[in-house]
Structures are given as structure tokens and as C-alpha cells.
């Protein structure tokens, strides 16, 4: 049998990369997270010494100020932070974003094919909210030094679901 008889040579479109054509929710989560990260790095202002200590940088991102999970802000009524923190990442550590999104891609794609797009999105958002509420509750008991950001709680939930399933 020659190479022209093999399956991957039969389809003309097989050479065209199709990024997430069957996993739209996973693709959407990655795209939104990357867009928010780019907005974090672009939309900044000069910060004070206190904000430099809080956020770890002299230039403070407006996205960080409004969307990272800061327990006192949540208790003050900014409840959207228990969900939006998962799309924010540390601007000084982009490798964390890369690792989280690779994990979302591999785990989310497989889980979305098994459970469906609505169930994956609901699981991802509910696990993010649960971790955010737990972090804010801990913030009432102890003083937390920095706001929470990153998709790590959701990624760990995806790992747990994947490990539980298999």
C-alpha cells in the first residue's frame, strides 16, 4: 500500500488546521481569557505605593482593580468578582496563563466532547464561583495579602472531573 492510500492523504481539508471546530465552549473560554489578559496589560494607569504593594507592580491595570477577587471588595458589594477573577491573570507571570490555557484546551476539549458545551460551561463557571466564594469567606476570617486571580481553581476542577471520569 502506498502513502496515497492512507486516510490522512484522502481528505483535502485534513491539512487545514481546524482549531476547536467541535469544542466551541473550550475555544471561547481560551479566547476570552487571552483577550482579558491583553486588556490587563494595555489598560493601565500609574499607581500609588499602596497599590504597588497590593498588585505587585507600579503600573496598575484597571482590569485588575475591578475584576480580581479582593475579599473586602466582595464583602462591600462587588459580587461580580467571584466570577471575573478566573479570566484575569498575573501580568508579570504570563507563563501561568499559558499553562492554564493549555490545560483548559486539553481537558476542556475532551470533557466538552463527553458532556456537551452547556454542561462544560456550567461546570467551569460553577467551580470558579465556588472557589471564589470560598476565598472571599476565608477573607472574612483571615487577612489575605493579595487578590486572587487566574484560572487555576477552574483548571483544578477540570482535572478533578477528568480524573474522576477516567
N, C-alpha and C. Protein backbone atom coordinates (compact mmCIF):
# COMPACT_ATOMS: atom_id res chain seq x y z
N UNK A 1 0.85 -1.17 0.00
CA UNK A 1 0.00 0.00 0.00
C UNK A 1 0.90 1.23 0.00
N UNK A 2 0.61 2.16 -0.88
CA UNK A 2 1.37 3.40 -0.97
C UNK A 2 0.82 4.45 -0.02
N UNK A 3 1.58 5.52 0.11
CA UNK A 3 1.16 6.58 1.04
C UNK A 3 -0.09 7.31 0.57
N UNK A 4 -0.38 7.28 -0.72
CA UNK A 4 -1.57 7.97 -1.21
C UNK A 4 -2.86 7.27 -0.82
N UNK A 5 -2.79 5.99 -0.38
CA UNK A 5 -3.96 5.25 0.04
C UNK A 5 -4.28 5.45 1.52
N UNK A 6 -3.46 6.16 2.24
CA UNK A 6 -3.69 6.35 3.68
C UNK A 6 -4.77 7.39 3.91
N UNK A 7 -5.45 7.26 5.04
CA UNK A 7 -6.60 8.11 5.34
C UNK A 7 -6.25 9.58 5.35
N UNK A 8 -5.12 9.94 5.91
CA UNK A 8 -4.80 11.36 6.04
C UNK A 8 -4.41 12.01 4.72
N UNK A 9 -4.21 11.23 3.69
CA UNK A 9 -3.98 11.79 2.36
C UNK A 9 -5.26 11.85 1.53
N UNK A 10 -6.33 11.22 1.99
CA UNK A 10 -7.56 11.17 1.23
C UNK A 10 -8.35 12.47 1.31
N UNK A 11 -8.35 13.09 2.46
CA UNK A 11 -9.16 14.28 2.68
C UNK A 11 -8.33 15.53 2.38
N UNK A 12 -8.81 16.35 1.47
CA UNK A 12 -8.10 17.58 1.13
C UNK A 12 -8.05 18.56 2.29
N UNK A 13 -9.12 18.58 3.10
CA UNK A 13 -9.20 19.52 4.21
C UNK A 13 -8.41 19.07 5.43
N UNK A 14 -7.84 17.86 5.41
CA UNK A 14 -7.14 17.39 6.59
C UNK A 14 -5.87 18.19 6.85
N UNK A 15 -5.36 18.88 5.84
CA UNK A 15 -4.16 19.70 6.03
C UNK A 15 -4.49 21.06 6.59
N UNK A 16 -5.75 21.44 6.57
CA UNK A 16 -6.17 22.72 7.10
C UNK A 16 -6.36 22.60 8.62
N UNK A 17 -5.68 23.42 9.40
CA UNK A 17 -5.88 23.33 10.85
C UNK A 17 -7.27 23.84 11.22
N UNK A 18 -7.97 23.08 12.00
CA UNK A 18 -9.29 23.46 12.47
C UNK A 18 -9.24 23.52 13.98
N UNK A 19 -9.04 24.71 14.49
CA UNK A 19 -8.83 24.91 15.92
C UNK A 19 -10.15 24.91 16.65
N UNK A 20 -10.46 23.82 17.32
CA UNK A 20 -11.64 23.75 18.15
C UNK A 20 -12.96 23.78 17.40
N UNK A 21 -13.00 23.21 16.21
CA UNK A 21 -14.25 23.25 15.45
C UNK A 21 -15.37 22.48 16.13
N UNK A 22 -15.01 21.49 16.95
CA UNK A 22 -16.04 20.71 17.64
C UNK A 22 -16.11 21.01 19.13
N UNK A 23 -15.32 21.98 19.61
CA UNK A 23 -15.33 22.35 21.02
C UNK A 23 -15.43 23.87 21.16
N UNK A 24 -16.59 24.44 20.85
CA UNK A 24 -16.71 25.89 20.85
C UNK A 24 -16.61 26.52 22.24
N UNK A 25 -17.07 25.84 23.27
CA UNK A 25 -17.00 26.41 24.61
C UNK A 25 -15.57 26.50 25.10
N UNK A 26 -14.79 25.48 24.88
CA UNK A 26 -13.38 25.50 25.26
C UNK A 26 -12.66 26.61 24.52
N UNK A 27 -12.91 26.72 23.26
CA UNK A 27 -12.29 27.78 22.45
C UNK A 27 -12.71 29.16 22.95
N UNK A 28 -13.99 29.33 23.29
CA UNK A 28 -14.48 30.60 23.80
C UNK A 28 -13.83 30.97 25.13
N UNK A 29 -13.69 30.01 26.05
CA UNK A 29 -13.06 30.27 27.33
C UNK A 29 -11.61 30.72 27.15
N UNK A 30 -10.90 30.09 26.25
CA UNK A 30 -9.50 30.46 25.99
C UNK A 30 -9.42 31.84 25.37
N UNK A 31 -10.26 32.11 24.39
CA UNK A 31 -10.23 33.41 23.70
C UNK A 31 -10.56 34.54 24.68
N UNK A 32 -11.60 34.37 25.49
CA UNK A 32 -11.97 35.41 26.44
C UNK A 32 -10.85 35.65 27.45
N UNK A 33 -10.23 34.59 27.93
CA UNK A 33 -9.15 34.74 28.90
C UNK A 33 -7.96 35.47 28.30
N UNK A 34 -7.61 35.14 27.07
CA UNK A 34 -6.47 35.81 26.42
C UNK A 34 -6.80 37.28 26.14
N UNK A 35 -8.02 37.57 25.73
CA UNK A 35 -8.42 38.97 25.48
C UNK A 35 -8.38 39.77 26.79
N UNK A 36 -8.86 39.19 27.88
CA UNK A 36 -8.80 39.88 29.17
C UNK A 36 -7.35 40.10 29.59
N UNK A 37 -6.48 39.13 29.36
CA UNK A 37 -5.06 39.29 29.70
C UNK A 37 -4.44 40.43 28.89
N UNK A 38 -4.76 40.50 27.61
CA UNK A 38 -4.25 41.60 26.79
C UNK A 38 -4.79 42.94 27.27
N UNK A 39 -6.05 42.98 27.66
CA UNK A 39 -6.62 44.21 28.21
C UNK A 39 -5.95 44.58 29.53
N UNK A 40 -5.60 43.58 30.33
CA UNK A 40 -4.90 43.85 31.58
C UNK A 40 -3.55 44.53 31.33
N UNK A 41 -2.86 44.11 30.30
CA UNK A 41 -1.54 44.67 30.04
C UNK A 41 -1.62 46.02 29.34
N UNK A 42 -2.71 46.30 28.65
CA UNK A 42 -2.81 47.55 27.90
C UNK A 42 -3.47 48.65 28.72
N UNK A 43 -4.56 48.35 29.39
CA UNK A 43 -5.34 49.35 30.11
C UNK A 43 -4.77 49.50 31.52
N UNK A 44 -3.77 50.38 31.66
CA UNK A 44 -3.12 50.59 32.95
C UNK A 44 -3.07 52.07 33.28
N UNK A 45 -2.76 52.33 34.53
CA UNK A 45 -2.54 53.70 35.00
C UNK A 45 -1.43 53.67 36.02
N UNK A 46 -0.88 54.85 36.29
CA UNK A 46 0.16 54.96 37.30
C UNK A 46 -0.45 54.73 38.67
N UNK A 47 0.15 53.87 39.47
CA UNK A 47 -0.40 53.55 40.78
C UNK A 47 0.38 54.18 41.91
N UNK A 48 -0.20 54.16 43.07
CA UNK A 48 0.47 54.67 44.26
C UNK A 48 1.30 53.55 44.89
N UNK A 49 1.98 53.87 45.95
CA UNK A 49 2.81 52.88 46.64
C UNK A 49 1.94 51.76 47.22
N UNK A 50 0.78 52.10 47.75
CA UNK A 50 -0.12 51.09 48.32
C UNK A 50 -0.63 50.11 47.26
N UNK A 51 -1.00 50.65 46.12
CA UNK A 51 -1.48 49.75 45.05
C UNK A 51 -0.34 48.94 44.47
N UNK A 52 0.87 49.50 44.49
CA UNK A 52 2.03 48.73 44.02
C UNK A 52 2.28 47.54 44.94
N UNK A 53 2.09 47.72 46.23
CA UNK A 53 2.24 46.60 47.15
C UNK A 53 1.12 45.58 46.98
N UNK A 54 -0.08 46.07 46.73
CA UNK A 54 -1.24 45.18 46.62
C UNK A 54 -1.21 44.36 45.34
N UNK A 55 -0.91 45.00 44.21
CA UNK A 55 -0.98 44.32 42.93
C UNK A 55 0.39 43.88 42.42
N UNK A 56 1.47 44.27 43.08
CA UNK A 56 2.79 43.80 42.71
C UNK A 56 3.43 44.55 41.56
N UNK A 57 2.93 45.69 41.17
CA UNK A 57 3.51 46.45 40.07
C UNK A 57 3.24 47.94 40.29
N UNK A 58 4.11 48.76 39.75
CA UNK A 58 3.94 50.20 39.87
C UNK A 58 2.79 50.69 38.97
N UNK A 59 2.71 50.14 37.75
CA UNK A 59 1.58 50.45 36.87
C UNK A 59 0.46 49.46 37.20
N UNK A 60 -0.68 49.99 37.49
CA UNK A 60 -1.81 49.17 37.91
C UNK A 60 -2.80 49.04 36.77
N UNK A 61 -3.23 47.83 36.53
CA UNK A 61 -4.23 47.58 35.50
C UNK A 61 -5.61 47.92 36.04
N UNK A 62 -6.38 48.63 35.25
CA UNK A 62 -7.76 48.94 35.64
C UNK A 62 -8.61 47.67 35.68
N UNK A 63 -8.27 46.73 34.83
CA UNK A 63 -8.98 45.43 34.83
C UNK A 63 -8.73 44.74 36.16
N UNK A 64 -7.48 44.76 36.64
CA UNK A 64 -7.16 44.15 37.93
C UNK A 64 -7.94 44.80 39.06
N UNK A 65 -8.02 46.11 39.04
CA UNK A 65 -8.71 46.81 40.12
C UNK A 65 -10.20 46.49 40.19
N UNK A 66 -10.81 46.20 39.05
CA UNK A 66 -12.26 45.98 39.03
C UNK A 66 -12.68 44.52 38.96
N UNK A 67 -11.78 43.63 38.56
CA UNK A 67 -12.23 42.26 38.33
C UNK A 67 -11.50 41.17 39.11
N UNK A 68 -10.34 41.47 39.70
CA UNK A 68 -9.67 40.46 40.52
C UNK A 68 -10.45 40.25 41.81
N UNK A 69 -10.31 39.07 42.39
CA UNK A 69 -11.09 38.71 43.58
C UNK A 69 -10.40 39.27 44.82
N UNK A 70 -10.90 40.39 45.28
CA UNK A 70 -10.44 41.03 46.50
C UNK A 70 -11.55 40.84 47.53
N UNK A 71 -11.26 40.09 48.60
CA UNK A 71 -12.30 39.71 49.56
C UNK A 71 -13.02 40.92 50.17
N UNK A 72 -12.32 41.98 50.62
CA UNK A 72 -13.06 43.12 51.16
C UNK A 72 -13.98 43.79 50.13
N UNK A 73 -13.56 43.81 48.86
CA UNK A 73 -14.41 44.41 47.82
C UNK A 73 -15.67 43.56 47.60
N UNK A 74 -15.53 42.24 47.66
CA UNK A 74 -16.69 41.36 47.50
C UNK A 74 -17.65 41.57 48.66
N UNK A 75 -17.11 41.65 49.86
CA UNK A 75 -17.97 41.86 51.03
C UNK A 75 -18.58 43.25 51.02
N UNK A 76 -17.96 44.18 50.26
CA UNK A 76 -18.51 45.51 50.11
C UNK A 76 -19.57 45.62 49.03
N UNK A 77 -19.88 44.51 48.36
CA UNK A 77 -20.97 44.53 47.39
C UNK A 77 -20.56 44.26 45.95
N UNK A 78 -19.28 44.14 45.67
CA UNK A 78 -18.83 43.88 44.30
C UNK A 78 -18.79 42.37 44.05
N UNK A 79 -19.96 41.78 43.97
CA UNK A 79 -20.08 40.33 43.90
C UNK A 79 -19.66 39.74 42.55
N UNK A 80 -19.56 40.55 41.52
CA UNK A 80 -19.15 40.02 40.22
C UNK A 80 -17.72 39.48 40.27
N UNK A 81 -16.95 39.90 41.24
CA UNK A 81 -15.56 39.48 41.35
C UNK A 81 -15.41 37.99 41.63
N UNK A 82 -16.44 37.35 42.20
CA UNK A 82 -16.33 35.91 42.48
C UNK A 82 -16.34 35.09 41.19
N UNK A 83 -16.64 35.70 40.07
CA UNK A 83 -16.57 35.02 38.78
C UNK A 83 -15.49 35.60 37.88
N UNK A 84 -15.34 36.90 37.86
CA UNK A 84 -14.45 37.53 36.88
C UNK A 84 -12.97 37.31 37.15
N UNK A 85 -12.60 36.95 38.38
CA UNK A 85 -11.19 36.74 38.69
C UNK A 85 -10.58 35.62 37.86
N UNK A 86 -11.40 34.66 37.45
CA UNK A 86 -10.89 33.49 36.74
C UNK A 86 -10.37 33.86 35.34
N UNK A 87 -10.81 34.99 34.81
CA UNK A 87 -10.35 35.42 33.50
C UNK A 87 -9.14 36.35 33.58
N UNK A 88 -8.80 36.81 34.78
CA UNK A 88 -7.63 37.67 34.98
C UNK A 88 -6.43 36.80 35.36
N UNK A 89 -5.25 37.23 34.95
CA UNK A 89 -4.01 36.54 35.31
C UNK A 89 -2.95 37.55 35.69
N UNK A 90 -1.92 37.08 36.36
CA UNK A 90 -0.82 37.93 36.77
C UNK A 90 -0.05 38.40 35.53
N UNK A 91 0.06 39.71 35.38
CA UNK A 91 0.73 40.27 34.20
C UNK A 91 2.22 40.00 34.21
N UNK A 92 2.82 39.81 35.38
CA UNK A 92 4.26 39.54 35.47
C UNK A 92 4.58 38.07 35.27
N UNK A 93 3.59 37.21 35.19
CA UNK A 93 3.81 35.77 35.02
C UNK A 93 2.93 35.24 33.88
N UNK A 94 3.23 35.58 32.63
CA UNK A 94 2.39 35.09 31.53
C UNK A 94 2.48 33.58 31.33
N UNK A 95 3.53 32.96 31.88
CA UNK A 95 3.66 31.51 31.74
C UNK A 95 2.51 30.80 32.47
N UNK A 96 2.02 31.40 33.54
CA UNK A 96 0.88 30.85 34.25
C UNK A 96 -0.35 30.82 33.35
N UNK A 97 -0.55 31.89 32.59
CA UNK A 97 -1.65 31.94 31.64
C UNK A 97 -1.50 30.84 30.59
N UNK A 98 -0.30 30.68 30.07
CA UNK A 98 -0.06 29.67 29.05
C UNK A 98 -0.36 28.27 29.59
N UNK A 99 0.15 27.96 30.77
CA UNK A 99 -0.10 26.64 31.35
C UNK A 99 -1.58 26.40 31.62
N UNK A 100 -2.25 27.40 32.16
CA UNK A 100 -3.68 27.25 32.42
C UNK A 100 -4.47 27.03 31.13
N UNK A 101 -4.15 27.78 30.09
CA UNK A 101 -4.90 27.65 28.84
C UNK A 101 -4.59 26.35 28.11
N UNK A 102 -3.37 25.86 28.22
CA UNK A 102 -3.06 24.55 27.65
C UNK A 102 -3.85 23.47 28.38
N UNK A 103 -3.93 23.57 29.70
CA UNK A 103 -4.71 22.60 30.46
C UNK A 103 -6.20 22.70 30.12
N UNK A 104 -6.70 23.93 29.97
CA UNK A 104 -8.11 24.10 29.57
C UNK A 104 -8.33 23.48 28.19
N UNK A 105 -7.37 23.69 27.30
CA UNK A 105 -7.52 23.15 25.94
C UNK A 105 -7.58 21.62 25.96
N UNK A 106 -6.62 20.98 26.61
CA UNK A 106 -6.58 19.52 26.60
C UNK A 106 -7.73 18.91 27.39
N UNK A 107 -7.95 19.39 28.59
CA UNK A 107 -9.00 18.81 29.43
C UNK A 107 -10.39 19.25 28.97
N UNK A 108 -10.54 20.54 28.69
CA UNK A 108 -11.84 21.07 28.29
C UNK A 108 -12.33 20.47 26.98
N UNK A 109 -11.43 20.28 26.04
CA UNK A 109 -11.83 19.70 24.75
C UNK A 109 -12.38 18.29 24.94
N UNK A 110 -11.67 17.51 25.71
CA UNK A 110 -12.11 16.12 25.93
C UNK A 110 -13.42 16.08 26.71
N UNK A 111 -13.50 16.91 27.76
CA UNK A 111 -14.71 16.91 28.59
C UNK A 111 -15.91 17.49 27.84
N UNK A 112 -15.66 18.47 26.98
CA UNK A 112 -16.77 19.04 26.20
C UNK A 112 -17.32 18.03 25.21
N UNK A 113 -16.46 17.21 24.65
CA UNK A 113 -16.94 16.17 23.73
C UNK A 113 -17.77 15.13 24.47
N UNK A 114 -17.44 14.89 25.76
CA UNK A 114 -18.17 13.89 26.53
C UNK A 114 -19.46 14.45 27.12
N UNK A 115 -19.41 15.65 27.70
CA UNK A 115 -20.55 16.19 28.44
C UNK A 115 -21.37 17.21 27.66
N UNK A 116 -20.79 17.84 26.67
CA UNK A 116 -21.51 18.86 25.92
C UNK A 116 -21.06 20.25 26.32
N UNK A 117 -21.40 21.21 25.46
CA UNK A 117 -20.90 22.57 25.68
C UNK A 117 -21.57 23.27 26.85
N UNK A 118 -22.86 23.09 27.05
CA UNK A 118 -23.55 23.75 28.15
C UNK A 118 -23.09 23.21 29.50
N UNK A 119 -22.92 21.91 29.58
CA UNK A 119 -22.50 21.30 30.84
C UNK A 119 -21.07 21.70 31.19
N UNK A 120 -20.20 21.76 30.19
CA UNK A 120 -18.82 22.16 30.46
C UNK A 120 -18.77 23.61 30.93
N UNK A 121 -19.50 24.49 30.26
CA UNK A 121 -19.51 25.90 30.66
C UNK A 121 -20.09 26.05 32.07
N UNK A 122 -21.17 25.36 32.36
CA UNK A 122 -21.76 25.43 33.70
C UNK A 122 -20.80 24.90 34.76
N UNK A 123 -20.12 23.81 34.46
CA UNK A 123 -19.16 23.25 35.41
C UNK A 123 -18.00 24.21 35.64
N UNK A 124 -17.46 24.78 34.58
CA UNK A 124 -16.33 25.70 34.66
C UNK A 124 -16.71 26.93 35.48
N UNK A 125 -17.85 27.52 35.19
CA UNK A 125 -18.28 28.72 35.90
C UNK A 125 -18.67 28.43 37.34
N UNK A 126 -19.36 27.33 37.58
CA UNK A 126 -19.76 26.99 38.96
C UNK A 126 -18.54 26.66 39.83
N UNK A 127 -17.57 25.96 39.26
CA UNK A 127 -16.37 25.68 40.05
C UNK A 127 -15.58 26.96 40.32
N UNK A 128 -15.58 27.89 39.38
CA UNK A 128 -14.92 29.18 39.59
C UNK A 128 -15.62 29.98 40.67
N UNK A 129 -16.94 30.02 40.62
CA UNK A 129 -17.71 30.74 41.63
C UNK A 129 -17.53 30.10 43.01
N UNK A 130 -17.54 28.78 43.07
CA UNK A 130 -17.36 28.09 44.35
C UNK A 130 -16.01 28.44 44.97
N UNK A 131 -14.96 28.40 44.17
CA UNK A 131 -13.63 28.75 44.68
C UNK A 131 -13.57 30.22 45.09
N UNK A 132 -14.23 31.08 44.32
CA UNK A 132 -14.25 32.50 44.66
C UNK A 132 -14.99 32.78 45.96
N UNK A 133 -16.10 32.11 46.17
CA UNK A 133 -16.86 32.28 47.41
C UNK A 133 -16.05 31.76 48.59
N UNK A 134 -15.38 30.64 48.41
CA UNK A 134 -14.54 30.09 49.47
C UNK A 134 -13.39 31.04 49.81
N UNK A 135 -12.77 31.63 48.80
CA UNK A 135 -11.68 32.59 49.02
C UNK A 135 -12.20 33.83 49.74
N UNK A 136 -13.35 34.33 49.33
CA UNK A 136 -13.92 35.51 50.00
C UNK A 136 -14.32 35.18 51.43
N UNK A 137 -14.82 33.97 51.67
CA UNK A 137 -15.17 33.56 53.04
C UNK A 137 -13.91 33.47 53.91
N UNK A 138 -12.84 32.96 53.34
CA UNK A 138 -11.58 32.93 54.09
C UNK A 138 -11.08 34.34 54.36
N UNK A 139 -11.40 35.26 53.47
CA UNK A 139 -11.01 36.65 53.66
C UNK A 139 -11.71 37.31 54.83
N UNK A 140 -12.85 36.77 55.25
CA UNK A 140 -13.52 37.31 56.43
C UNK A 140 -12.87 36.82 57.71
N UNK A 141 -12.24 35.67 57.65
CA UNK A 141 -11.62 35.07 58.83
C UNK A 141 -10.18 35.57 59.02
N UNK A 142 -9.40 35.53 57.93
CA UNK A 142 -8.02 35.98 58.00
C UNK A 142 -7.79 37.08 56.98
N UNK A 143 -6.75 37.83 57.17
CA UNK A 143 -6.42 38.90 56.22
C UNK A 143 -5.62 38.30 55.07
N UNK A 144 -6.17 38.37 53.88
CA UNK A 144 -5.49 37.82 52.71
C UNK A 144 -4.63 38.91 52.08
N UNK A 145 -3.36 38.61 51.80
CA UNK A 145 -2.43 39.65 51.36
C UNK A 145 -2.66 40.18 49.95
N UNK A 146 -3.08 39.32 49.04
CA UNK A 146 -3.23 39.74 47.65
C UNK A 146 -4.58 39.26 47.11
N UNK A 147 -5.10 39.95 46.10
CA UNK A 147 -6.33 39.46 45.46
C UNK A 147 -6.06 38.17 44.67
N UNK A 148 -7.09 37.39 44.52
CA UNK A 148 -6.99 36.14 43.77
C UNK A 148 -7.24 36.40 42.29
N UNK A 149 -6.41 35.79 41.45
CA UNK A 149 -6.62 35.87 40.01
C UNK A 149 -6.11 34.58 39.37
N UNK A 150 -6.61 34.28 38.20
CA UNK A 150 -6.15 33.12 37.46
C UNK A 150 -7.19 32.04 37.36
N UNK A 151 -7.01 31.20 36.36
CA UNK A 151 -7.95 30.12 36.09
C UNK A 151 -7.58 28.83 36.80
N UNK A 152 -6.61 28.89 37.70
CA UNK A 152 -6.15 27.68 38.36
C UNK A 152 -7.25 26.93 39.11
N UNK A 153 -8.13 27.60 39.87
CA UNK A 153 -9.21 26.83 40.51
C UNK A 153 -10.11 26.09 39.51
N UNK A 154 -10.44 26.72 38.41
CA UNK A 154 -11.27 26.07 37.39
C UNK A 154 -10.50 24.93 36.71
N UNK A 155 -9.22 25.15 36.46
CA UNK A 155 -8.40 24.10 35.84
C UNK A 155 -8.28 22.90 36.77
N UNK A 156 -8.09 23.15 38.05
CA UNK A 156 -8.02 22.03 39.00
C UNK A 156 -9.36 21.29 39.08
N UNK A 157 -10.45 22.01 38.92
CA UNK A 157 -11.76 21.35 38.86
C UNK A 157 -11.88 20.49 37.61
N UNK A 158 -11.38 21.00 36.49
CA UNK A 158 -11.38 20.19 35.26
C UNK A 158 -10.52 18.94 35.44
N UNK A 159 -9.35 19.11 36.07
CA UNK A 159 -8.51 17.94 36.37
C UNK A 159 -9.25 16.93 37.23
N UNK A 160 -9.96 17.42 38.24
CA UNK A 160 -10.69 16.53 39.14
C UNK A 160 -11.80 15.79 38.39
N UNK A 161 -12.55 16.49 37.57
CA UNK A 161 -13.60 15.85 36.78
C UNK A 161 -13.02 14.82 35.82
N UNK A 162 -11.93 15.18 35.19
CA UNK A 162 -11.28 14.26 34.24
C UNK A 162 -10.78 13.01 34.96
N UNK A 163 -10.12 13.22 36.10
CA UNK A 163 -9.61 12.08 36.87
C UNK A 163 -10.74 11.22 37.43
N UNK A 164 -11.82 11.86 37.86
CA UNK A 164 -12.95 11.12 38.37
C UNK A 164 -13.61 10.28 37.27
N UNK A 165 -13.70 10.87 36.09
CA UNK A 165 -14.35 10.15 34.98
C UNK A 165 -13.51 8.97 34.51
N UNK A 166 -12.20 9.16 34.45
CA UNK A 166 -11.34 8.10 33.92
C UNK A 166 -10.66 7.33 35.03
